Amino acid sequence: MGEEMKIRRFLRKVTFGEGFSVLERDGNTGERHPGSVFDVRISNLFWIFLLVGSLFAAGCASEPSYRQAFDSSQQIEGNTESIASTPDKTWIASLQVLSQQGFMVRSADRSNDVILADREMADQNDKNVSYQITSTVTLVPLGKDITQVSLAANQTTEFHRKQYVWWHLLWLIPLFPVGSEYTSVVTHRGTVQNPEFYAGFFDNLKKAVQSKTLTKN
């Protein structure tokens, strides 16, 4: 019975954070004397600080992805090509390709050789999904008949949902629709990484600079 009471007291001290001491037996004399004093409250604080430190270290280790935006691994594949054409022809051809592919040219700064254009596209398989593409075309003259063209594009995916507004009897029971509401939710937003997207632009651009109509200009 006495041993059981000691165990209960020990557990109570550990649970409620009370200080306690442990008596160690001397191996030579067999006498008991106070050993190391363990303060459970200090022990609990130690583990709390250890946990907080671990979480802080983990937070520092996992840096936000945007910090690597200019890392070499983040370069877009196939978004820059050298076109065998003068800057003037390449400029006109770029505007032509964007317009033919349904892009709305929002800005065309000839002095800085920068074109901003965007396009909205509906998904071919799901009528409730649409895409918005924002593109930037930059021209850099490399010589008399060589122009470096870079294309950067961001793509946003939106899901469109139609909901009916119902007439309710006594504000509780819906009987028949009296209208509809449309809501749009962005499901994805990011930089276009697919090389096929950029290859399509440059294929059309090369054809445009070689066309007879553009050559006359």
N, C-alpha and C. Protein backbone atom coordinates (compact mmCIF):
# COMPACT_ATOMS: atom_id res chain seq x y z
N MET A 1 0.84 -1.21 0.00
CA MET A 1 0.00 0.00 0.00
C MET A 1 0.87 1.25 0.00
N GLY A 2 1.97 1.22 0.80
CA GLY A 2 2.86 2.37 0.86
C GLY A 2 3.53 2.65 -0.47
N GLU A 3 3.96 1.60 -1.17
CA GLU A 3 4.60 1.77 -2.47
C GLU A 3 3.62 2.36 -3.48
N GLU A 4 2.37 1.95 -3.42
CA GLU A 4 1.36 2.47 -4.34
C GLU A 4 1.15 3.96 -4.14
N MET A 5 1.14 4.40 -2.87
CA MET A 5 0.97 5.82 -2.57
C MET A 5 2.16 6.62 -3.10
N LYS A 6 3.37 6.08 -2.99
CA LYS A 6 4.55 6.76 -3.50
C LYS A 6 4.47 6.95 -5.02
N ILE A 7 3.99 5.91 -5.70
CA ILE A 7 3.87 5.99 -7.15
C ILE A 7 2.86 7.05 -7.55
N ARG A 8 1.73 7.09 -6.82
CA ARG A 8 0.70 8.09 -7.11
C ARG A 8 1.22 9.50 -6.90
N ARG A 9 1.97 9.69 -5.81
CA ARG A 9 2.53 11.02 -5.54
C ARG A 9 3.53 11.42 -6.64
N PHE A 10 4.30 10.45 -7.06
CA PHE A 10 5.28 10.72 -8.12
C PHE A 10 4.58 11.15 -9.41
N LEU A 11 3.52 10.42 -9.80
CA LEU A 11 2.79 10.76 -11.01
C LEU A 11 2.11 12.11 -10.89
N ARG A 12 1.59 12.42 -9.69
CA ARG A 12 0.92 13.70 -9.49
C ARG A 12 1.91 14.85 -9.64
N LYS A 13 3.12 14.67 -9.13
CA LYS A 13 4.12 15.72 -9.24
C LYS A 13 4.54 15.93 -10.69
N VAL A 14 4.66 14.84 -11.44
CA VAL A 14 5.04 14.96 -12.84
C VAL A 14 3.94 15.63 -13.65
N THR A 15 2.68 15.27 -13.34
CA THR A 15 1.56 15.80 -14.10
C THR A 15 1.34 17.27 -13.84
N PHE A 16 1.39 17.70 -12.59
CA PHE A 16 1.08 19.08 -12.24
C PHE A 16 2.32 19.97 -12.15
N GLY A 17 3.49 19.44 -12.51
CA GLY A 17 4.67 20.28 -12.58
C GLY A 17 5.26 20.62 -11.23
N GLU A 18 5.08 19.79 -10.22
CA GLU A 18 5.65 20.07 -8.90
C GLU A 18 7.09 19.58 -8.86
N GLY A 19 7.92 20.27 -8.10
CA GLY A 19 9.31 19.85 -7.97
C GLY A 19 9.41 18.62 -7.08
N PHE A 20 10.34 17.77 -7.34
CA PHE A 20 10.53 16.59 -6.51
C PHE A 20 11.99 16.19 -6.56
N SER A 21 12.41 15.42 -5.62
CA SER A 21 13.79 14.95 -5.58
C SER A 21 13.81 13.45 -5.55
N VAL A 22 14.91 12.90 -6.00
CA VAL A 22 15.07 11.45 -6.04
C VAL A 22 16.22 11.08 -5.11
N LEU A 23 15.98 10.09 -4.20
CA LEU A 23 17.02 9.63 -3.28
C LEU A 23 17.78 8.49 -3.93
N GLU A 24 19.07 8.64 -3.99
CA GLU A 24 19.91 7.60 -4.56
C GLU A 24 20.56 6.79 -3.43
N ARG A 25 20.75 5.51 -3.66
CA ARG A 25 21.36 4.62 -2.67
C ARG A 25 22.85 4.54 -2.92
N ASP A 26 23.62 4.73 -1.84
CA ASP A 26 25.07 4.62 -1.92
C ASP A 26 25.43 3.16 -2.11
N GLY A 27 26.24 2.84 -3.10
CA GLY A 27 26.59 1.45 -3.38
C GLY A 27 27.47 0.83 -2.31
N ASN A 28 28.21 1.63 -1.53
CA ASN A 28 29.11 1.10 -0.52
C ASN A 28 28.42 0.95 0.83
N THR A 29 27.77 2.00 1.30
CA THR A 29 27.17 1.97 2.65
C THR A 29 25.72 1.52 2.64
N GLY A 30 25.07 1.62 1.49
CA GLY A 30 23.65 1.24 1.44
C GLY A 30 22.74 2.33 1.96
N GLU A 31 23.30 3.49 2.35
CA GLU A 31 22.46 4.58 2.86
C GLU A 31 21.90 5.39 1.69
N ARG A 32 20.73 5.99 1.99
CA ARG A 32 20.10 6.85 0.99
C ARG A 32 20.48 8.30 1.26
N HIS A 33 20.71 9.05 0.18
CA HIS A 33 21.01 10.46 0.31
C HIS A 33 20.39 11.19 -0.88
N PRO A 34 20.11 12.49 -0.75
CA PRO A 34 19.48 13.23 -1.86
C PRO A 34 20.36 13.21 -3.10
N GLY A 35 19.74 12.82 -4.19
CA GLY A 35 20.45 12.80 -5.46
C GLY A 35 20.18 14.08 -6.24
N SER A 36 20.20 13.96 -7.54
CA SER A 36 19.94 15.12 -8.41
C SER A 36 18.49 15.54 -8.28
N VAL A 37 18.24 16.84 -8.22
CA VAL A 37 16.89 17.38 -8.10
C VAL A 37 16.38 17.73 -9.50
N PHE A 38 15.24 17.16 -9.82
CA PHE A 38 14.65 17.37 -11.14
C PHE A 38 13.43 18.27 -11.00
N ASP A 39 13.46 19.39 -11.61
CA ASP A 39 12.31 20.29 -11.59
C ASP A 39 11.54 20.08 -12.90
N VAL A 40 10.35 19.51 -12.78
CA VAL A 40 9.57 19.17 -13.96
C VAL A 40 9.17 20.42 -14.73
N ARG A 41 8.92 21.51 -13.98
CA ARG A 41 8.54 22.73 -14.68
C ARG A 41 9.66 23.22 -15.58
N ILE A 42 10.89 23.16 -15.10
CA ILE A 42 12.02 23.56 -15.93
C ILE A 42 12.16 22.61 -17.12
N SER A 43 11.92 21.33 -16.86
CA SER A 43 12.00 20.35 -17.94
C SER A 43 10.96 20.65 -19.01
N ASN A 44 9.74 21.00 -18.56
CA ASN A 44 8.69 21.33 -19.53
C ASN A 44 9.06 22.56 -20.35
N LEU A 45 9.63 23.58 -19.70
CA LEU A 45 10.05 24.77 -20.42
C LEU A 45 11.14 24.44 -21.44
N PHE A 46 12.02 23.52 -21.06
CA PHE A 46 13.08 23.12 -21.98
C PHE A 46 12.50 22.53 -23.26
N TRP A 47 11.51 21.65 -23.10
CA TRP A 47 10.92 21.02 -24.28
C TRP A 47 10.12 22.03 -25.11
N ILE A 48 9.50 23.00 -24.45
CA ILE A 48 8.77 24.03 -25.18
C ILE A 48 9.72 24.85 -26.04
N PHE A 49 10.84 25.28 -25.40
CA PHE A 49 11.82 26.06 -26.16
C PHE A 49 12.43 25.25 -27.30
N LEU A 50 12.63 23.96 -27.05
CA LEU A 50 13.17 23.10 -28.09
C LEU A 50 12.21 22.99 -29.26
N LEU A 51 10.91 22.87 -28.96
CA LEU A 51 9.91 22.77 -30.03
C LEU A 51 9.83 24.07 -30.83
N VAL A 52 9.81 25.20 -30.12
CA VAL A 52 9.75 26.49 -30.80
C VAL A 52 10.98 26.70 -31.68
N GLY A 53 12.14 26.32 -31.16
CA GLY A 53 13.36 26.45 -31.96
C GLY A 53 13.34 25.59 -33.20
N SER A 54 12.79 24.38 -33.08
CA SER A 54 12.71 23.49 -34.24
C SER A 54 11.78 24.07 -35.30
N LEU A 55 10.63 24.61 -34.86
CA LEU A 55 9.71 25.21 -35.81
C LEU A 55 10.32 26.43 -36.49
N PHE A 56 11.05 27.22 -35.74
CA PHE A 56 11.69 28.41 -36.31
C PHE A 56 12.74 28.01 -37.34
N ALA A 57 13.51 26.97 -37.01
CA ALA A 57 14.54 26.50 -37.95
C ALA A 57 13.91 25.94 -39.21
N ALA A 58 12.78 25.23 -39.06
CA ALA A 58 12.10 24.68 -40.23
C ALA A 58 11.55 25.80 -41.10
N GLY A 59 11.03 26.86 -40.46
CA GLY A 59 10.51 27.99 -41.22
C GLY A 59 11.59 28.70 -42.00
N CYS A 60 12.77 28.82 -41.40
CA CYS A 60 13.88 29.47 -42.11
C CYS A 60 14.39 28.60 -43.24
N ALA A 61 14.32 27.29 -43.06
CA ALA A 61 14.85 26.39 -44.09
C ALA A 61 13.97 26.39 -45.33
N SER A 62 12.64 26.48 -45.16
CA SER A 62 11.73 26.45 -46.30
C SER A 62 11.43 27.88 -46.75
N GLU A 63 12.31 28.44 -47.56
CA GLU A 63 12.14 29.80 -48.05
C GLU A 63 11.05 29.84 -49.11
N PRO A 64 10.34 30.97 -49.23
CA PRO A 64 9.32 31.11 -50.27
C PRO A 64 9.93 30.93 -51.65
N SER A 65 9.15 30.36 -52.56
CA SER A 65 9.66 30.04 -53.90
C SER A 65 10.02 31.29 -54.69
N TYR A 66 9.34 32.41 -54.42
CA TYR A 66 9.60 33.60 -55.23
C TYR A 66 11.02 34.12 -55.07
N ARG A 67 11.71 33.72 -54.01
CA ARG A 67 13.08 34.18 -53.81
C ARG A 67 14.03 33.59 -54.84
N GLN A 68 13.62 32.49 -55.46
CA GLN A 68 14.45 31.87 -56.50
C GLN A 68 14.00 32.28 -57.90
N ALA A 69 13.29 33.41 -58.02
CA ALA A 69 12.74 33.82 -59.32
C ALA A 69 13.84 34.04 -60.36
N PHE A 70 15.01 34.52 -59.93
CA PHE A 70 16.09 34.79 -60.87
C PHE A 70 17.17 33.71 -60.82
N ASP A 71 16.85 32.58 -60.25
CA ASP A 71 17.79 31.46 -60.25
C ASP A 71 17.83 30.86 -61.66
N SER A 72 18.97 30.31 -62.01
CA SER A 72 19.13 29.75 -63.36
C SER A 72 18.15 28.60 -63.62
N SER A 73 17.74 27.91 -62.57
CA SER A 73 16.80 26.80 -62.75
C SER A 73 15.40 27.28 -63.10
N GLN A 74 15.12 28.58 -62.91
CA GLN A 74 13.80 29.12 -63.19
C GLN A 74 13.68 29.72 -64.59
N GLN A 75 14.73 29.61 -65.38
CA GLN A 75 14.66 30.16 -66.73
C GLN A 75 13.66 29.38 -67.58
N ILE A 76 12.96 30.10 -68.43
CA ILE A 76 11.94 29.49 -69.28
C ILE A 76 12.59 28.93 -70.54
N GLU A 77 12.28 27.71 -70.84
CA GLU A 77 12.89 27.05 -71.99
C GLU A 77 12.18 27.45 -73.28
N GLY A 78 12.97 27.91 -74.24
CA GLY A 78 12.45 28.19 -75.58
C GLY A 78 11.70 29.49 -75.74
N ASN A 79 11.84 30.44 -74.82
CA ASN A 79 11.08 31.69 -74.94
C ASN A 79 11.88 32.82 -75.58
N THR A 80 13.10 32.52 -76.05
CA THR A 80 13.94 33.54 -76.69
C THR A 80 14.58 32.94 -77.95
N GLU A 81 14.49 33.68 -79.04
CA GLU A 81 15.11 33.24 -80.30
C GLU A 81 15.64 34.45 -81.06
N SER A 82 16.63 34.19 -81.90
CA SER A 82 17.17 35.23 -82.78
C SER A 82 16.52 35.08 -84.15
N ILE A 83 15.91 36.16 -84.62
CA ILE A 83 15.18 36.15 -85.88
C ILE A 83 16.01 36.87 -86.94
N ALA A 84 16.16 36.22 -88.10
CA ALA A 84 16.93 36.81 -89.20
C ALA A 84 16.07 37.85 -89.91
N SER A 85 15.97 39.01 -89.27
CA SER A 85 15.16 40.09 -89.83
C SER A 85 15.54 41.39 -89.13
N THR A 86 15.26 42.49 -89.79
CA THR A 86 15.54 43.79 -89.19
C THR A 86 14.57 44.04 -88.03
N PRO A 87 14.93 44.91 -87.10
CA PRO A 87 14.03 45.21 -85.99
C PRO A 87 12.68 45.75 -86.45
N ASP A 88 12.65 46.55 -87.51
CA ASP A 88 11.39 47.11 -87.99
C ASP A 88 10.46 46.01 -88.51
N LYS A 89 11.00 45.11 -89.32
CA LYS A 89 10.18 44.01 -89.84
C LYS A 89 9.73 43.07 -88.72
N THR A 90 10.64 42.81 -87.80
CA THR A 90 10.29 41.92 -86.69
C THR A 90 9.21 42.54 -85.82
N TRP A 91 9.27 43.84 -85.65
CA TRP A 91 8.24 44.53 -84.86
C TRP A 91 6.86 44.40 -85.50
N ILE A 92 6.81 44.67 -86.80
CA ILE A 92 5.54 44.57 -87.52
C ILE A 92 5.04 43.13 -87.53
N ALA A 93 5.96 42.18 -87.73
CA ALA A 93 5.56 40.77 -87.76
C ALA A 93 5.03 40.31 -86.41
N SER A 94 5.62 40.78 -85.33
CA SER A 94 5.15 40.41 -83.99
C SER A 94 3.73 40.90 -83.76
N LEU A 95 3.46 42.14 -84.14
CA LEU A 95 2.09 42.67 -84.01
C LEU A 95 1.12 41.87 -84.87
N GLN A 96 1.57 41.48 -86.05
CA GLN A 96 0.71 40.72 -86.95
C GLN A 96 0.37 39.36 -86.37
N VAL A 97 1.36 38.67 -85.83
CA VAL A 97 1.12 37.34 -85.26
C VAL A 97 0.18 37.41 -84.07
N LEU A 98 0.40 38.37 -83.20
CA LEU A 98 -0.46 38.50 -82.02
C LEU A 98 -1.91 38.78 -82.43
N SER A 99 -2.10 39.66 -83.39
CA SER A 99 -3.46 39.99 -83.83
C SER A 99 -4.13 38.80 -84.51
N GLN A 100 -3.38 38.10 -85.35
CA GLN A 100 -3.95 36.95 -86.05
C GLN A 100 -4.35 35.83 -85.09
N GLN A 101 -3.66 35.71 -83.98
CA GLN A 101 -3.96 34.65 -83.01
C GLN A 101 -4.96 35.08 -81.95
N GLY A 102 -5.57 36.24 -82.14
CA GLY A 102 -6.64 36.66 -81.25
C GLY A 102 -6.20 37.42 -80.01
N PHE A 103 -4.96 37.87 -79.98
CA PHE A 103 -4.49 38.64 -78.83
C PHE A 103 -4.87 40.11 -79.00
N MET A 104 -5.30 40.72 -77.92
CA MET A 104 -5.59 42.15 -77.89
C MET A 104 -4.32 42.88 -77.48
N VAL A 105 -3.80 43.71 -78.36
CA VAL A 105 -2.59 44.46 -78.07
C VAL A 105 -2.96 45.64 -77.17
N ARG A 106 -2.48 45.60 -75.95
CA ARG A 106 -2.80 46.65 -74.98
C ARG A 106 -1.79 47.79 -75.02
N SER A 107 -0.57 47.47 -75.39
CA SER A 107 0.47 48.51 -75.44
C SER A 107 1.54 48.08 -76.43
N ALA A 108 1.98 49.05 -77.25
CA ALA A 108 3.04 48.80 -78.22
C ALA A 108 4.01 49.98 -78.16
N ASP A 109 5.06 49.82 -77.40
CA ASP A 109 6.04 50.88 -77.17
C ASP A 109 7.22 50.67 -78.12
N ARG A 110 7.19 51.37 -79.23
CA ARG A 110 8.23 51.17 -80.24
C ARG A 110 9.58 51.69 -79.77
N SER A 111 9.58 52.73 -78.96
CA SER A 111 10.85 53.29 -78.50
C SER A 111 11.62 52.31 -77.62
N ASN A 112 10.90 51.50 -76.86
CA ASN A 112 11.54 50.49 -76.00
C ASN A 112 11.40 49.08 -76.54
N ASP A 113 10.73 48.94 -77.69
CA ASP A 113 10.54 47.63 -78.34
C ASP A 113 9.86 46.62 -77.40
N VAL A 114 8.76 47.03 -76.80
CA VAL A 114 8.02 46.17 -75.89
C VAL A 114 6.54 46.18 -76.29
N ILE A 115 5.96 44.98 -76.40
CA ILE A 115 4.54 44.82 -76.74
C ILE A 115 3.85 44.06 -75.61
N LEU A 116 2.72 44.59 -75.16
CA LEU A 116 1.90 43.91 -74.16
C LEU A 116 0.58 43.51 -74.80
N ALA A 117 0.22 42.25 -74.67
CA ALA A 117 -1.01 41.75 -75.28
C ALA A 117 -1.60 40.65 -74.41
N ASP A 118 -2.92 40.48 -74.52
CA ASP A 118 -3.58 39.41 -73.75
C ASP A 118 -4.70 38.80 -74.58
N ARG A 119 -5.10 37.63 -74.14
CA ARG A 119 -6.17 36.89 -74.84
C ARG A 119 -6.93 36.03 -73.85
N GLU A 120 -8.22 35.93 -74.08
CA GLU A 120 -9.07 35.03 -73.29
C GLU A 120 -9.51 33.87 -74.18
N MET A 121 -9.38 32.66 -73.64
CA MET A 121 -9.72 31.46 -74.40
C MET A 121 -10.63 30.57 -73.56
N ALA A 122 -11.61 29.98 -74.24
CA ALA A 122 -12.49 29.02 -73.58
C ALA A 122 -11.92 27.62 -73.74
N ASP A 123 -12.09 26.81 -72.72
CA ASP A 123 -11.62 25.43 -72.78
C ASP A 123 -12.45 24.65 -73.79
N GLN A 124 -11.79 23.85 -74.61
CA GLN A 124 -12.49 23.11 -75.65
C GLN A 124 -13.31 21.96 -75.10
N ASN A 125 -12.96 21.47 -73.93
CA ASN A 125 -13.65 20.31 -73.36
C ASN A 125 -14.61 20.67 -72.23
N ASP A 126 -14.42 21.81 -71.60
CA ASP A 126 -15.26 22.20 -70.47
C ASP A 126 -15.68 23.65 -70.66
N LYS A 127 -16.96 23.86 -70.89
CA LYS A 127 -17.45 25.22 -71.15
C LYS A 127 -17.41 26.10 -69.90
N ASN A 128 -17.23 25.51 -68.75
CA ASN A 128 -17.17 26.28 -67.51
C ASN A 128 -15.76 26.74 -67.16
N VAL A 129 -14.79 26.41 -68.00
CA VAL A 129 -13.40 26.76 -67.73
C VAL A 129 -12.89 27.68 -68.85
N SER A 130 -12.18 28.72 -68.46
CA SER A 130 -11.59 29.63 -69.43
C SER A 130 -10.17 29.99 -69.00
N TYR A 131 -9.41 30.49 -69.95
CA TYR A 131 -8.01 30.84 -69.70
C TYR A 131 -7.76 32.29 -70.12
N GLN A 132 -6.99 32.98 -69.34
CA GLN A 132 -6.56 34.32 -69.68
C GLN A 132 -5.04 34.33 -69.79
N ILE A 133 -4.55 34.74 -70.95
CA ILE A 133 -3.11 34.73 -71.23
C ILE A 133 -2.63 36.17 -71.38
N THR A 134 -1.65 36.54 -70.60
CA THR A 134 -1.03 37.86 -70.69
C THR A 134 0.40 37.69 -71.18
N SER A 135 0.73 38.36 -72.29
CA SER A 135 2.03 38.16 -72.94
C SER A 135 2.79 39.46 -73.06
N THR A 136 4.11 39.34 -72.98
CA THR A 136 5.02 40.47 -73.20
C THR A 136 6.07 40.06 -74.22
N VAL A 137 6.14 40.82 -75.30
CA VAL A 137 7.12 40.57 -76.36
C VAL A 137 8.18 41.67 -76.29
N THR A 138 9.44 41.27 -76.23
CA THR A 138 10.55 42.22 -76.14
C THR A 138 11.52 41.98 -77.29
N LEU A 139 11.88 43.05 -77.98
CA LEU A 139 12.82 42.97 -79.11
C LEU A 139 14.14 43.63 -78.73
N VAL A 140 15.25 42.97 -79.11
CA VAL A 140 16.59 43.51 -78.88
C VAL A 140 17.38 43.39 -80.18
N PRO A 141 17.74 44.49 -80.83
CA PRO A 141 18.53 44.43 -82.06
C PRO A 141 19.94 43.89 -81.78
N LEU A 142 20.33 42.86 -82.52
CA LEU A 142 21.67 42.29 -82.37
C LEU A 142 22.58 42.66 -83.53
N GLY A 143 22.01 43.15 -84.58
CA GLY A 143 22.78 43.53 -85.77
C GLY A 143 21.85 44.14 -86.79
N LYS A 144 22.37 44.32 -87.99
CA LYS A 144 21.56 44.95 -89.03
C LYS A 144 20.36 44.10 -89.40
N ASP A 145 20.54 42.80 -89.51
CA ASP A 145 19.46 41.92 -89.95
C ASP A 145 19.18 40.81 -88.94
N ILE A 146 19.50 41.01 -87.69
CA ILE A 146 19.24 40.01 -86.65
C ILE A 146 18.58 40.70 -85.45
N THR A 147 17.49 40.14 -85.01
CA THR A 147 16.76 40.69 -83.88
C THR A 147 16.45 39.58 -82.89
N GLN A 148 16.80 39.80 -81.66
CA GLN A 148 16.48 38.83 -80.61
C GLN A 148 15.09 39.14 -80.06
N VAL A 149 14.25 38.11 -80.04
CA VAL A 149 12.87 38.27 -79.58
C VAL A 149 12.65 37.38 -78.37
N SER A 150 12.09 37.95 -77.32
CA SER A 150 11.77 37.20 -76.10
C SER A 150 10.27 37.31 -75.83
N LEU A 151 9.68 36.21 -75.45
CA LEU A 151 8.25 36.17 -75.13
C LEU A 151 8.08 35.64 -73.72
N ALA A 152 7.39 36.40 -72.89
CA ALA A 152 7.04 35.96 -71.53
C ALA A 152 5.53 35.97 -71.41
N ALA A 153 4.98 34.95 -70.76
CA ALA A 153 3.52 34.83 -70.69
C ALA A 153 3.10 34.27 -69.33
N ASN A 154 2.03 34.83 -68.82
CA ASN A 154 1.37 34.32 -67.62
C ASN A 154 -0.01 33.81 -68.00
N GLN A 155 -0.44 32.76 -67.32
CA GLN A 155 -1.72 32.14 -67.63
C GLN A 155 -2.56 31.99 -66.36
N THR A 156 -3.82 32.38 -66.47
CA THR A 156 -4.76 32.26 -65.35
C THR A 156 -5.92 31.37 -65.77
N THR A 157 -6.23 30.37 -64.96
CA THR A 157 -7.35 29.47 -65.22
C THR A 157 -8.50 29.85 -64.31
N GLU A 158 -9.68 30.04 -64.89
CA GLU A 158 -10.86 30.41 -64.12
C GLU A 158 -11.97 29.39 -64.33
N PHE A 159 -12.65 29.09 -63.24
CA PHE A 159 -13.82 28.20 -63.29
C PHE A 159 -15.06 29.04 -63.08
N HIS A 160 -15.99 28.97 -64.03
CA HIS A 160 -17.21 29.77 -63.99
C HIS A 160 -18.38 28.88 -63.56
N ARG A 161 -19.13 29.38 -62.60
CA ARG A 161 -20.24 28.59 -62.05
C ARG A 161 -21.52 29.41 -62.13
N LYS A 162 -22.57 28.78 -62.60
CA LYS A 162 -23.88 29.42 -62.70
C LYS A 162 -24.78 28.90 -61.58
N GLN A 163 -25.37 29.81 -60.85
CA GLN A 163 -26.27 29.45 -59.76
C GLN A 163 -27.61 30.14 -59.97
N TYR A 164 -28.68 29.41 -59.71
CA TYR A 164 -30.03 29.96 -59.85
C TYR A 164 -30.48 30.60 -58.54
N VAL A 165 -31.20 31.70 -58.69
CA VAL A 165 -31.82 32.36 -57.54
C VAL A 165 -33.27 31.91 -57.47
N TRP A 166 -33.64 31.31 -56.36
CA TRP A 166 -34.97 30.71 -56.22
C TRP A 166 -35.91 31.60 -55.42
N TRP A 167 -37.18 31.51 -55.81
CA TRP A 167 -38.23 32.17 -55.02
C TRP A 167 -38.64 31.21 -53.91
N HIS A 168 -38.64 31.70 -52.68
CA HIS A 168 -38.91 30.85 -51.53
C HIS A 168 -40.28 31.15 -50.94
N LEU A 169 -40.96 30.09 -50.60
CA LEU A 169 -42.23 30.21 -49.90
C LEU A 169 -41.95 30.35 -48.41
N LEU A 170 -42.41 31.46 -47.84
CA LEU A 170 -42.17 31.74 -46.41
C LEU A 170 -40.67 31.78 -46.10
N TRP A 171 -39.87 32.17 -47.10
CA TRP A 171 -38.42 32.30 -46.95
C TRP A 171 -37.72 30.97 -46.63
N LEU A 172 -38.42 29.86 -46.81
CA LEU A 172 -37.83 28.57 -46.44
C LEU A 172 -37.82 27.58 -47.59
N ILE A 173 -38.94 27.46 -48.30
CA ILE A 173 -39.09 26.41 -49.30
C ILE A 173 -38.88 26.99 -50.70
N PRO A 174 -37.82 26.58 -51.43
CA PRO A 174 -37.62 27.07 -52.80
C PRO A 174 -38.62 26.43 -53.76
N LEU A 175 -39.29 27.27 -54.56
CA LEU A 175 -40.32 26.76 -55.46
C LEU A 175 -39.89 26.84 -56.93
N PHE A 176 -39.43 27.99 -57.40
CA PHE A 176 -39.05 28.11 -58.80
C PHE A 176 -37.97 29.19 -58.93
N PRO A 177 -37.10 29.07 -59.96
CA PRO A 177 -36.02 30.06 -60.13
C PRO A 177 -36.56 31.38 -60.68
N VAL A 178 -36.01 32.47 -60.18
CA VAL A 178 -36.41 33.80 -60.64
C VAL A 178 -35.24 34.54 -61.29
N GLY A 179 -34.08 33.92 -61.33
CA GLY A 179 -32.91 34.55 -61.93
C GLY A 179 -31.70 33.67 -61.78
N SER A 180 -30.56 34.19 -62.15
CA SER A 180 -29.32 33.41 -62.07
C SER A 180 -28.17 34.34 -61.73
N GLU A 181 -27.14 33.77 -61.12
CA GLU A 181 -25.93 34.49 -60.75
C GLU A 181 -24.72 33.72 -61.26
N TYR A 182 -23.70 34.45 -61.65
CA TYR A 182 -22.48 33.84 -62.15
C TYR A 182 -21.31 34.22 -61.24
N THR A 183 -20.55 33.25 -60.90
CA THR A 183 -19.35 33.47 -60.09
C THR A 183 -18.15 32.83 -60.78
N SER A 184 -16.99 33.44 -60.61
CA SER A 184 -15.76 32.92 -61.20
C SER A 184 -14.72 32.72 -60.10
N VAL A 185 -14.06 31.58 -60.17
CA VAL A 185 -13.05 31.23 -59.18
C VAL A 185 -11.74 30.94 -59.91
N VAL A 186 -10.66 31.57 -59.48
CA VAL A 186 -9.34 31.32 -60.06
C VAL A 186 -8.78 30.02 -59.48
N THR A 187 -8.54 29.06 -60.35
CA THR A 187 -8.03 27.76 -59.90
C THR A 187 -6.53 27.60 -60.14
N HIS A 188 -5.97 28.43 -61.00
CA HIS A 188 -4.52 28.35 -61.26
C HIS A 188 -4.03 29.68 -61.81
N ARG A 189 -2.83 30.07 -61.39
CA ARG A 189 -2.20 31.28 -61.91
C ARG A 189 -0.69 31.08 -61.88
N GLY A 190 -0.04 31.34 -63.00
CA GLY A 190 1.41 31.16 -63.01
C GLY A 190 1.99 31.44 -64.39
N THR A 191 3.30 31.31 -64.47
CA THR A 191 4.02 31.54 -65.72
C THR A 191 3.87 30.34 -66.64
N VAL A 192 3.68 30.60 -67.91
CA VAL A 192 3.59 29.52 -68.89
C VAL A 192 4.97 28.91 -69.08
N GLN A 193 5.09 27.62 -68.82
CA GLN A 193 6.37 26.93 -68.92
C GLN A 193 6.46 25.99 -70.12
N ASN A 194 5.34 25.73 -70.76
CA ASN A 194 5.31 24.75 -71.84
C ASN A 194 6.08 25.27 -73.07
N PRO A 195 7.14 24.58 -73.51
CA PRO A 195 7.91 25.03 -74.68
C PRO A 195 7.06 25.08 -75.95
N GLU A 196 6.02 24.26 -76.03
CA GLU A 196 5.17 24.24 -77.22
C GLU A 196 4.47 25.58 -77.43
N PHE A 197 4.11 26.23 -76.34
CA PHE A 197 3.46 27.54 -76.42
C PHE A 197 4.37 28.55 -77.11
N TYR A 198 5.63 28.59 -76.72
CA TYR A 198 6.58 29.55 -77.28
C TYR A 198 7.00 29.15 -78.70
N ALA A 199 7.10 27.85 -78.94
CA ALA A 199 7.47 27.39 -80.28
C ALA A 199 6.43 27.81 -81.31
N GLY A 200 5.15 27.76 -80.92
CA GLY A 200 4.09 28.18 -81.84
C GLY A 200 4.21 29.65 -82.22
N PHE A 201 4.55 30.48 -81.25
CA PHE A 201 4.71 31.91 -81.55
C PHE A 201 5.87 32.16 -82.50
N PHE A 202 7.01 31.53 -82.24
CA PHE A 202 8.19 31.78 -83.08
C PHE A 202 8.04 31.17 -84.47
N ASP A 203 7.34 30.06 -84.59
CA ASP A 203 7.09 29.50 -85.92
C ASP A 203 6.27 30.47 -86.77
N ASN A 204 5.24 31.04 -86.17
CA ASN A 204 4.42 32.00 -86.91
C ASN A 204 5.19 33.29 -87.18
N LEU A 205 6.06 33.68 -86.23
CA LEU A 205 6.84 34.90 -86.42
C LEU A 205 7.82 34.76 -87.59
N LYS A 206 8.48 33.61 -87.69
CA LYS A 206 9.43 33.39 -88.79
C LYS A 206 8.71 33.37 -90.14
N LYS A 207 7.52 32.82 -90.17
CA LYS A 207 6.74 32.82 -91.41
C LYS A 207 6.32 34.24 -91.78
N ALA A 208 6.00 35.03 -90.75
CA ALA A 208 5.52 36.40 -91.01
C ALA A 208 6.62 37.29 -91.57
N VAL A 209 7.84 37.16 -91.04
CA VAL A 209 8.93 38.03 -91.53
C VAL A 209 9.35 37.64 -92.94
N GLN A 210 9.04 36.43 -93.36
CA GLN A 210 9.40 35.98 -94.70
C GLN A 210 8.27 36.15 -95.71
N SER A 211 7.12 36.58 -95.25
CA SER A 211 5.98 36.72 -96.16
C SER A 211 6.21 37.87 -97.13
N LYS A 212 5.62 37.75 -98.31
CA LYS A 212 5.81 38.76 -99.36
C LYS A 212 5.18 40.09 -98.96
N THR A 213 4.06 40.04 -98.27
CA THR A 213 3.39 41.27 -97.88
C THR A 213 4.26 42.10 -96.95
N LEU A 214 4.92 41.42 -96.01
CA LEU A 214 5.77 42.13 -95.05
C LEU A 214 7.05 42.62 -95.71
N THR A 215 7.54 41.87 -96.70
CA THR A 215 8.77 42.25 -97.40
C THR A 215 8.58 43.56 -98.17
N LYS A 216 7.38 43.75 -98.72
CA LYS A 216 7.10 44.98 -99.46
C LYS A 216 7.13 46.19 -98.54
N ASN A 217 6.71 45.99 -97.27
CA ASN A 217 6.72 47.10 -96.34
C ASN A 217 8.14 47.46 -95.93
